[in-house]
Amino acid sequence: MKNMMPKYFISSLTLALAVSAFAAESSTKEQFESHGHTLNATITKNHAEAEALRGISVETGVPVERVQALHHNYPKATPAGILIACVLADNTKQDPETYVKKFVNGKNWAVAAKENNVPYEKIDERLTRVEDYIKNGGNQRPVKQRKK
């Protein structure tokens, strides 16, 4: 019986770690999706769609005309979705339209990020910066120079 105790302990510990890792990832996915919805709500509330598209361009390096074309050609694509598509495209060196099409067809952004090895934190950081840009009325100077 003494020989079995360490095996049970190690099995239990392994199972607990696996469950906590799954719960943490699930929580991150929910926060990630929630942040996208929050950004879209902020844009709608501030009537700042044009500023959001400009902010996405600045944040991702995709020309503003291209971002506007994506928004125009895919009316179901939200600004947050376009931003995430541009970040995924930057990491994978593909066209952002590839990801916008997947999103419009029901692809989950958190799953797409994981499949393409793009850290949630990277996308979340970009979502935060564009949201701050909208909240600051389109002021995209470095944070140190902004008036509070």
N, C-alpha and C. Protein backbone atom coordinates (compact mmCIF):
# COMPACT_ATOMS: atom_id res chain seq x y z
N MET A 1 0.81 -1.19 0.00
CA MET A 1 0.00 0.00 0.00
C MET A 1 0.86 1.25 0.00
N LYS A 2 2.01 1.21 0.68
CA LYS A 2 2.89 2.36 0.73
C LYS A 2 3.38 2.73 -0.67
N ASN A 3 3.58 1.75 -1.52
CA ASN A 3 4.07 2.01 -2.88
C ASN A 3 3.03 2.69 -3.75
N MET A 4 1.79 2.49 -3.44
CA MET A 4 0.71 3.08 -4.24
C MET A 4 0.46 4.55 -3.91
N MET A 5 0.75 4.96 -2.70
CA MET A 5 0.46 6.33 -2.26
C MET A 5 1.16 7.38 -3.12
N PRO A 6 2.46 7.27 -3.40
CA PRO A 6 3.11 8.27 -4.24
C PRO A 6 2.50 8.32 -5.66
N LYS A 7 2.12 7.19 -6.18
CA LYS A 7 1.52 7.16 -7.51
C LYS A 7 0.20 7.91 -7.53
N TYR A 8 -0.61 7.71 -6.48
CA TYR A 8 -1.89 8.43 -6.40
C TYR A 8 -1.65 9.93 -6.25
N PHE A 9 -0.67 10.28 -5.44
CA PHE A 9 -0.35 11.69 -5.23
C PHE A 9 0.09 12.35 -6.54
N ILE A 10 0.98 11.70 -7.27
CA ILE A 10 1.48 12.25 -8.54
C ILE A 10 0.35 12.33 -9.56
N SER A 11 -0.51 11.33 -9.62
CA SER A 11 -1.65 11.35 -10.55
C SER A 11 -2.59 12.49 -10.22
N SER A 12 -2.87 12.66 -8.94
CA SER A 12 -3.77 13.73 -8.51
C SER A 12 -3.19 15.09 -8.83
N LEU A 13 -1.91 15.25 -8.57
CA LEU A 13 -1.24 16.52 -8.84
C LEU A 13 -1.25 16.83 -10.34
N THR A 14 -0.97 15.84 -11.15
CA THR A 14 -0.98 16.03 -12.60
C THR A 14 -2.36 16.42 -13.09
N LEU A 15 -3.37 15.75 -12.61
CA LEU A 15 -4.74 16.07 -12.99
C LEU A 15 -5.12 17.49 -12.57
N ALA A 16 -4.74 17.87 -11.36
CA ALA A 16 -5.05 19.22 -10.86
C ALA A 16 -4.37 20.28 -11.72
N LEU A 17 -3.13 20.05 -12.09
CA LEU A 17 -2.41 21.01 -12.94
C LEU A 17 -3.05 21.12 -14.32
N ALA A 18 -3.46 20.00 -14.88
CA ALA A 18 -4.11 20.01 -16.19
C ALA A 18 -5.42 20.78 -16.15
N VAL A 19 -6.21 20.55 -15.11
CA VAL A 19 -7.49 21.24 -14.96
C VAL A 19 -7.27 22.73 -14.79
N SER A 20 -6.30 23.13 -13.98
CA SER A 20 -6.06 24.56 -13.76
C SER A 20 -5.54 25.22 -15.03
N ALA A 21 -4.72 24.53 -15.81
CA ALA A 21 -4.23 25.09 -17.07
C ALA A 21 -5.39 25.28 -18.05
N PHE A 22 -6.30 24.30 -18.11
CA PHE A 22 -7.46 24.42 -18.98
C PHE A 22 -8.35 25.57 -18.55
N ALA A 23 -8.56 25.71 -17.25
CA ALA A 23 -9.41 26.79 -16.73
C ALA A 23 -8.79 28.14 -17.02
N ALA A 24 -7.48 28.26 -16.89
CA ALA A 24 -6.80 29.52 -17.17
C ALA A 24 -6.92 29.88 -18.64
N GLU A 25 -6.74 28.90 -19.53
CA GLU A 25 -6.86 29.17 -20.95
C GLU A 25 -8.28 29.55 -21.32
N SER A 26 -9.25 28.86 -20.73
CA SER A 26 -10.65 29.16 -20.99
C SER A 26 -10.98 30.58 -20.54
N SER A 27 -10.47 30.97 -19.38
CA SER A 27 -10.68 32.31 -18.86
C SER A 27 -10.06 33.35 -19.79
N THR A 28 -8.85 33.06 -20.29
CA THR A 28 -8.18 33.98 -21.20
C THR A 28 -8.99 34.14 -22.49
N LYS A 29 -9.53 33.06 -23.01
CA LYS A 29 -10.35 33.13 -24.22
C LYS A 29 -11.57 34.01 -23.99
N GLU A 30 -12.22 33.82 -22.84
CA GLU A 30 -13.41 34.62 -22.53
C GLU A 30 -13.05 36.10 -22.41
N GLN A 31 -11.95 36.40 -21.75
CA GLN A 31 -11.52 37.79 -21.61
C GLN A 31 -11.18 38.38 -22.97
N PHE A 32 -10.52 37.58 -23.80
CA PHE A 32 -10.13 38.00 -25.14
C PHE A 32 -11.37 38.36 -25.97
N GLU A 33 -12.35 37.47 -25.98
CA GLU A 33 -13.59 37.73 -26.71
C GLU A 33 -14.33 38.94 -26.13
N SER A 34 -14.36 39.02 -24.82
CA SER A 34 -15.04 40.13 -24.14
C SER A 34 -14.39 41.46 -24.49
N HIS A 35 -13.07 41.47 -24.58
CA HIS A 35 -12.36 42.72 -24.90
C HIS A 35 -12.71 43.19 -26.31
N GLY A 36 -12.85 42.27 -27.23
CA GLY A 36 -13.26 42.63 -28.59
C GLY A 36 -14.64 43.26 -28.60
N HIS A 37 -15.57 42.68 -27.82
CA HIS A 37 -16.92 43.24 -27.73
C HIS A 37 -16.90 44.62 -27.09
N THR A 38 -16.05 44.79 -26.08
CA THR A 38 -15.93 46.08 -25.41
C THR A 38 -15.42 47.15 -26.37
N LEU A 39 -14.42 46.79 -27.17
CA LEU A 39 -13.89 47.75 -28.15
C LEU A 39 -14.98 48.15 -29.13
N ASN A 40 -15.71 47.19 -29.64
CA ASN A 40 -16.78 47.50 -30.59
C ASN A 40 -17.86 48.39 -29.96
N ALA A 41 -18.18 48.13 -28.70
CA ALA A 41 -19.16 48.95 -27.99
C ALA A 41 -18.65 50.38 -27.80
N THR A 42 -17.37 50.51 -27.49
CA THR A 42 -16.76 51.84 -27.32
C THR A 42 -16.80 52.62 -28.63
N ILE A 43 -16.51 51.94 -29.72
CA ILE A 43 -16.54 52.59 -31.04
C ILE A 43 -17.95 53.05 -31.36
N THR A 44 -18.93 52.20 -31.12
CA THR A 44 -20.33 52.54 -31.39
C THR A 44 -20.77 53.70 -30.51
N LYS A 45 -20.45 53.62 -29.22
CA LYS A 45 -20.85 54.65 -28.27
C LYS A 45 -20.28 56.03 -28.65
N ASN A 46 -19.05 56.04 -29.12
CA ASN A 46 -18.38 57.30 -29.46
C ASN A 46 -18.55 57.70 -30.93
N HIS A 47 -19.32 56.92 -31.69
CA HIS A 47 -19.51 57.19 -33.11
C HIS A 47 -18.15 57.41 -33.79
N ALA A 48 -17.24 56.47 -33.54
CA ALA A 48 -15.86 56.65 -33.94
C ALA A 48 -15.36 55.57 -34.89
N GLU A 49 -16.21 55.16 -35.81
CA GLU A 49 -15.81 54.09 -36.72
C GLU A 49 -14.63 54.49 -37.60
N ALA A 50 -14.66 55.69 -38.15
CA ALA A 50 -13.56 56.14 -39.01
C ALA A 50 -12.26 56.25 -38.21
N GLU A 51 -12.34 56.77 -36.98
CA GLU A 51 -11.16 56.87 -36.14
C GLU A 51 -10.63 55.49 -35.78
N ALA A 52 -11.55 54.55 -35.55
CA ALA A 52 -11.14 53.19 -35.21
C ALA A 52 -10.38 52.55 -36.37
N LEU A 53 -10.86 52.72 -37.58
CA LEU A 53 -10.18 52.15 -38.73
C LEU A 53 -8.81 52.79 -38.92
N ARG A 54 -8.72 54.08 -38.66
CA ARG A 54 -7.43 54.77 -38.73
C ARG A 54 -6.50 54.25 -37.63
N GLY A 55 -7.04 54.06 -36.44
CA GLY A 55 -6.25 53.51 -35.33
C GLY A 55 -5.76 52.10 -35.61
N ILE A 56 -6.60 51.29 -36.23
CA ILE A 56 -6.20 49.93 -36.60
C ILE A 56 -5.04 49.98 -37.58
N SER A 57 -5.12 50.90 -38.52
CA SER A 57 -4.05 51.06 -39.51
C SER A 57 -2.74 51.42 -38.82
N VAL A 58 -2.79 52.39 -37.93
CA VAL A 58 -1.58 52.83 -37.22
C VAL A 58 -1.04 51.69 -36.36
N GLU A 59 -1.91 50.99 -35.69
CA GLU A 59 -1.50 49.94 -34.75
C GLU A 59 -0.92 48.72 -35.45
N THR A 60 -1.42 48.40 -36.63
CA THR A 60 -1.01 47.16 -37.29
C THR A 60 -0.09 47.37 -38.49
N GLY A 61 -0.02 48.59 -38.99
CA GLY A 61 0.81 48.85 -40.14
C GLY A 61 0.13 48.55 -41.47
N VAL A 62 -1.11 48.14 -41.44
CA VAL A 62 -1.88 47.90 -42.66
C VAL A 62 -2.37 49.26 -43.15
N PRO A 63 -2.18 49.59 -44.43
CA PRO A 63 -2.62 50.90 -44.92
C PRO A 63 -4.10 51.15 -44.63
N VAL A 64 -4.41 52.39 -44.29
CA VAL A 64 -5.78 52.75 -43.91
C VAL A 64 -6.76 52.44 -45.04
N GLU A 65 -6.35 52.61 -46.27
CA GLU A 65 -7.24 52.29 -47.41
C GLU A 65 -7.59 50.81 -47.41
N ARG A 66 -6.62 49.97 -47.07
CA ARG A 66 -6.84 48.53 -47.04
C ARG A 66 -7.80 48.16 -45.90
N VAL A 67 -7.62 48.79 -44.74
CA VAL A 67 -8.50 48.54 -43.60
C VAL A 67 -9.92 48.98 -43.94
N GLN A 68 -10.06 50.14 -44.56
CA GLN A 68 -11.37 50.63 -44.96
C GLN A 68 -12.01 49.71 -45.99
N ALA A 69 -11.21 49.20 -46.92
CA ALA A 69 -11.74 48.27 -47.93
C ALA A 69 -12.24 46.98 -47.28
N LEU A 70 -11.50 46.48 -46.30
CA LEU A 70 -11.95 45.27 -45.58
C LEU A 70 -13.28 45.53 -44.89
N HIS A 71 -13.39 46.69 -44.27
CA HIS A 71 -14.63 47.03 -43.56
C HIS A 71 -15.79 47.19 -44.55
N HIS A 72 -15.50 47.77 -45.70
CA HIS A 72 -16.54 47.99 -46.71
C HIS A 72 -16.95 46.66 -47.38
N ASN A 73 -15.98 45.83 -47.71
CA ASN A 73 -16.27 44.58 -48.42
C ASN A 73 -16.88 43.49 -47.54
N TYR A 74 -16.68 43.60 -46.23
CA TYR A 74 -17.20 42.60 -45.30
C TYR A 74 -17.99 43.32 -44.20
N PRO A 75 -19.24 43.70 -44.49
CA PRO A 75 -20.03 44.47 -43.53
C PRO A 75 -20.23 43.78 -42.18
N LYS A 76 -20.17 42.45 -42.16
CA LYS A 76 -20.33 41.73 -40.89
C LYS A 76 -19.07 41.82 -40.02
N ALA A 77 -17.96 42.17 -40.60
CA ALA A 77 -16.70 42.25 -39.85
C ALA A 77 -16.70 43.52 -39.00
N THR A 78 -16.49 43.33 -37.73
CA THR A 78 -16.45 44.46 -36.79
C THR A 78 -15.04 45.05 -36.79
N PRO A 79 -14.89 46.28 -36.29
CA PRO A 79 -13.54 46.85 -36.19
C PRO A 79 -12.60 45.98 -35.35
N ALA A 80 -13.08 45.42 -34.25
CA ALA A 80 -12.24 44.54 -33.43
C ALA A 80 -11.83 43.31 -34.24
N GLY A 81 -12.74 42.77 -35.01
CA GLY A 81 -12.43 41.62 -35.85
C GLY A 81 -11.39 41.95 -36.90
N ILE A 82 -11.51 43.12 -37.49
CA ILE A 82 -10.53 43.54 -38.49
C ILE A 82 -9.16 43.72 -37.84
N LEU A 83 -9.15 44.31 -36.65
CA LEU A 83 -7.88 44.48 -35.93
C LEU A 83 -7.23 43.13 -35.65
N ILE A 84 -8.01 42.20 -35.15
CA ILE A 84 -7.47 40.87 -34.85
C ILE A 84 -6.98 40.18 -36.12
N ALA A 85 -7.73 40.32 -37.20
CA ALA A 85 -7.32 39.73 -38.47
C ALA A 85 -5.99 40.32 -38.93
N CYS A 86 -5.82 41.62 -38.75
CA CYS A 86 -4.57 42.28 -39.16
C CYS A 86 -3.40 41.81 -38.30
N VAL A 87 -3.62 41.61 -37.00
CA VAL A 87 -2.55 41.13 -36.12
C VAL A 87 -2.18 39.70 -36.50
N LEU A 88 -3.18 38.86 -36.74
CA LEU A 88 -2.91 37.48 -37.16
C LEU A 88 -2.15 37.47 -38.49
N ALA A 89 -2.57 38.31 -39.41
CA ALA A 89 -1.93 38.38 -40.72
C ALA A 89 -0.48 38.83 -40.59
N ASP A 90 -0.23 39.78 -39.70
CA ASP A 90 1.13 40.26 -39.50
C ASP A 90 2.02 39.13 -38.98
N ASN A 91 1.52 38.34 -38.06
CA ASN A 91 2.31 37.25 -37.50
C ASN A 91 2.53 36.11 -38.49
N THR A 92 1.57 35.88 -39.36
CA THR A 92 1.66 34.75 -40.29
C THR A 92 2.10 35.16 -41.68
N LYS A 93 2.25 36.46 -41.89
CA LYS A 93 2.66 37.01 -43.20
C LYS A 93 1.65 36.67 -44.30
N GLN A 94 0.38 36.64 -43.93
CA GLN A 94 -0.69 36.42 -44.90
C GLN A 94 -1.50 37.70 -45.06
N ASP A 95 -2.42 37.67 -45.99
CA ASP A 95 -3.30 38.81 -46.22
C ASP A 95 -4.37 38.85 -45.13
N PRO A 96 -4.65 40.03 -44.56
CA PRO A 96 -5.69 40.12 -43.53
C PRO A 96 -7.04 39.64 -44.00
N GLU A 97 -7.30 39.76 -45.30
CA GLU A 97 -8.59 39.33 -45.84
C GLU A 97 -8.83 37.83 -45.60
N THR A 98 -7.77 37.05 -45.58
CA THR A 98 -7.86 35.61 -45.31
C THR A 98 -8.57 35.37 -43.98
N TYR A 99 -8.18 36.14 -42.97
CA TYR A 99 -8.75 35.97 -41.63
C TYR A 99 -10.11 36.62 -41.50
N VAL A 100 -10.32 37.73 -42.19
CA VAL A 100 -11.64 38.38 -42.15
C VAL A 100 -12.68 37.43 -42.73
N LYS A 101 -12.35 36.76 -43.82
CA LYS A 101 -13.28 35.79 -44.43
C LYS A 101 -13.62 34.68 -43.44
N LYS A 102 -12.62 34.18 -42.72
CA LYS A 102 -12.86 33.12 -41.75
C LYS A 102 -13.78 33.60 -40.63
N PHE A 103 -13.56 34.84 -40.18
CA PHE A 103 -14.38 35.40 -39.11
C PHE A 103 -15.82 35.55 -39.57
N VAL A 104 -16.01 36.08 -40.77
CA VAL A 104 -17.36 36.28 -41.30
C VAL A 104 -18.07 34.93 -41.42
N ASN A 105 -17.31 33.88 -41.66
CA ASN A 105 -17.90 32.54 -41.77
C ASN A 105 -18.01 31.84 -40.43
N GLY A 106 -17.81 32.56 -39.33
CA GLY A 106 -18.07 32.01 -38.01
C GLY A 106 -16.86 31.48 -37.25
N LYS A 107 -15.65 31.73 -37.72
CA LYS A 107 -14.45 31.27 -37.02
C LYS A 107 -14.28 32.04 -35.72
N ASN A 108 -13.89 31.36 -34.68
CA ASN A 108 -13.66 31.97 -33.37
C ASN A 108 -12.26 32.58 -33.36
N TRP A 109 -12.15 33.84 -32.94
CA TRP A 109 -10.86 34.53 -32.95
C TRP A 109 -9.87 33.88 -32.00
N ALA A 110 -10.32 33.45 -30.85
CA ALA A 110 -9.40 32.83 -29.89
C ALA A 110 -8.82 31.55 -30.46
N VAL A 111 -9.64 30.78 -31.16
CA VAL A 111 -9.16 29.55 -31.79
C VAL A 111 -8.17 29.88 -32.91
N ALA A 112 -8.49 30.90 -33.71
CA ALA A 112 -7.60 31.30 -34.80
C ALA A 112 -6.25 31.76 -34.26
N ALA A 113 -6.26 32.49 -33.16
CA ALA A 113 -5.01 32.96 -32.55
C ALA A 113 -4.17 31.77 -32.08
N LYS A 114 -4.83 30.83 -31.44
CA LYS A 114 -4.11 29.65 -30.94
C LYS A 114 -3.56 28.82 -32.10
N GLU A 115 -4.35 28.61 -33.14
CA GLU A 115 -3.92 27.82 -34.29
C GLU A 115 -2.71 28.44 -34.98
N ASN A 116 -2.61 29.77 -34.94
CA ASN A 116 -1.52 30.47 -35.61
C ASN A 116 -0.41 30.90 -34.66
N ASN A 117 -0.45 30.38 -33.43
CA ASN A 117 0.58 30.67 -32.43
C ASN A 117 0.77 32.16 -32.17
N VAL A 118 -0.33 32.87 -32.13
CA VAL A 118 -0.29 34.30 -31.80
C VAL A 118 -0.75 34.43 -30.35
N PRO A 119 0.09 34.97 -29.49
CA PRO A 119 -0.30 35.07 -28.08
C PRO A 119 -1.51 35.99 -27.89
N TYR A 120 -2.42 35.56 -27.02
CA TYR A 120 -3.60 36.38 -26.73
C TYR A 120 -3.17 37.75 -26.23
N GLU A 121 -2.09 37.78 -25.46
CA GLU A 121 -1.63 39.04 -24.88
C GLU A 121 -1.29 40.07 -25.95
N LYS A 122 -0.71 39.62 -27.04
CA LYS A 122 -0.34 40.53 -28.12
C LYS A 122 -1.58 41.17 -28.73
N ILE A 123 -2.59 40.37 -28.97
CA ILE A 123 -3.83 40.89 -29.54
C ILE A 123 -4.55 41.76 -28.53
N ASP A 124 -4.58 41.30 -27.29
CA ASP A 124 -5.25 42.06 -26.24
C ASP A 124 -4.60 43.44 -26.06
N GLU A 125 -3.30 43.48 -26.15
CA GLU A 125 -2.58 44.76 -26.04
C GLU A 125 -2.99 45.71 -27.16
N ARG A 126 -3.10 45.19 -28.36
CA ARG A 126 -3.51 46.02 -29.50
C ARG A 126 -4.96 46.49 -29.34
N LEU A 127 -5.83 45.60 -28.87
CA LEU A 127 -7.21 45.99 -28.62
C LEU A 127 -7.27 47.12 -27.60
N THR A 128 -6.47 47.02 -26.56
CA THR A 128 -6.43 48.05 -25.52
C THR A 128 -5.96 49.38 -26.09
N ARG A 129 -4.92 49.35 -26.91
CA ARG A 129 -4.39 50.60 -27.46
C ARG A 129 -5.39 51.28 -28.37
N VAL A 130 -6.09 50.51 -29.20
CA VAL A 130 -7.09 51.12 -30.08
C VAL A 130 -8.26 51.63 -29.25
N GLU A 131 -8.65 50.89 -28.23
CA GLU A 131 -9.73 51.36 -27.36
C GLU A 131 -9.34 52.67 -26.67
N ASP A 132 -8.12 52.74 -26.17
CA ASP A 132 -7.64 53.98 -25.55
C ASP A 132 -7.62 55.13 -26.56
N TYR A 133 -7.23 54.82 -27.77
CA TYR A 133 -7.20 55.80 -28.86
C TYR A 133 -8.60 56.39 -29.08
N ILE A 134 -9.59 55.53 -29.10
CA ILE A 134 -10.98 55.97 -29.29
C ILE A 134 -11.44 56.79 -28.09
N LYS A 135 -11.14 56.31 -26.89
CA LYS A 135 -11.56 57.02 -25.69
C LYS A 135 -10.89 58.39 -25.57
N ASN A 136 -9.68 58.52 -26.13
CA ASN A 136 -8.96 59.80 -26.08
C ASN A 136 -9.28 60.69 -27.27
N GLY A 137 -10.32 60.37 -27.98
CA GLY A 137 -10.77 61.21 -29.08
C GLY A 137 -9.85 61.21 -30.28
N GLY A 138 -9.20 60.10 -30.54
CA GLY A 138 -8.35 60.01 -31.72
C GLY A 138 -6.94 60.52 -31.50
N ASN A 139 -6.54 60.71 -30.25
CA ASN A 139 -5.20 61.19 -29.92
C ASN A 139 -4.28 59.99 -29.83
N GLN A 140 -3.42 59.79 -30.83
CA GLN A 140 -2.59 58.60 -30.84
C GLN A 140 -1.11 58.93 -30.64
N ARG A 141 -0.83 60.03 -29.98
CA ARG A 141 0.55 60.32 -29.62
C ARG A 141 0.99 59.36 -28.54
N PRO A 142 2.30 59.22 -28.31
CA PRO A 142 2.74 58.34 -27.22
C PRO A 142 2.10 58.75 -25.89
N VAL A 143 1.87 57.80 -25.04
CA VAL A 143 1.18 58.03 -23.78
C VAL A 143 1.86 59.11 -22.96
N LYS A 144 3.18 59.16 -22.95
CA LYS A 144 3.92 60.15 -22.15
C LYS A 144 3.56 61.58 -22.54
N GLN A 145 3.22 61.81 -23.80
CA GLN A 145 2.96 63.15 -24.29
C GLN A 145 1.48 63.56 -24.19
N ARG A 146 0.62 62.63 -23.85
CA ARG A 146 -0.80 62.94 -23.78
C ARG A 146 -1.12 63.77 -22.55
N LYS A 147 -2.02 64.69 -22.73
CA LYS A 147 -2.49 65.47 -21.59
C LYS A 147 -3.56 64.66 -20.88
N LYS A 148 -3.52 64.70 -19.57
CA LYS A 148 -4.48 63.90 -18.80
C LYS A 148 -5.63 64.73 -18.37
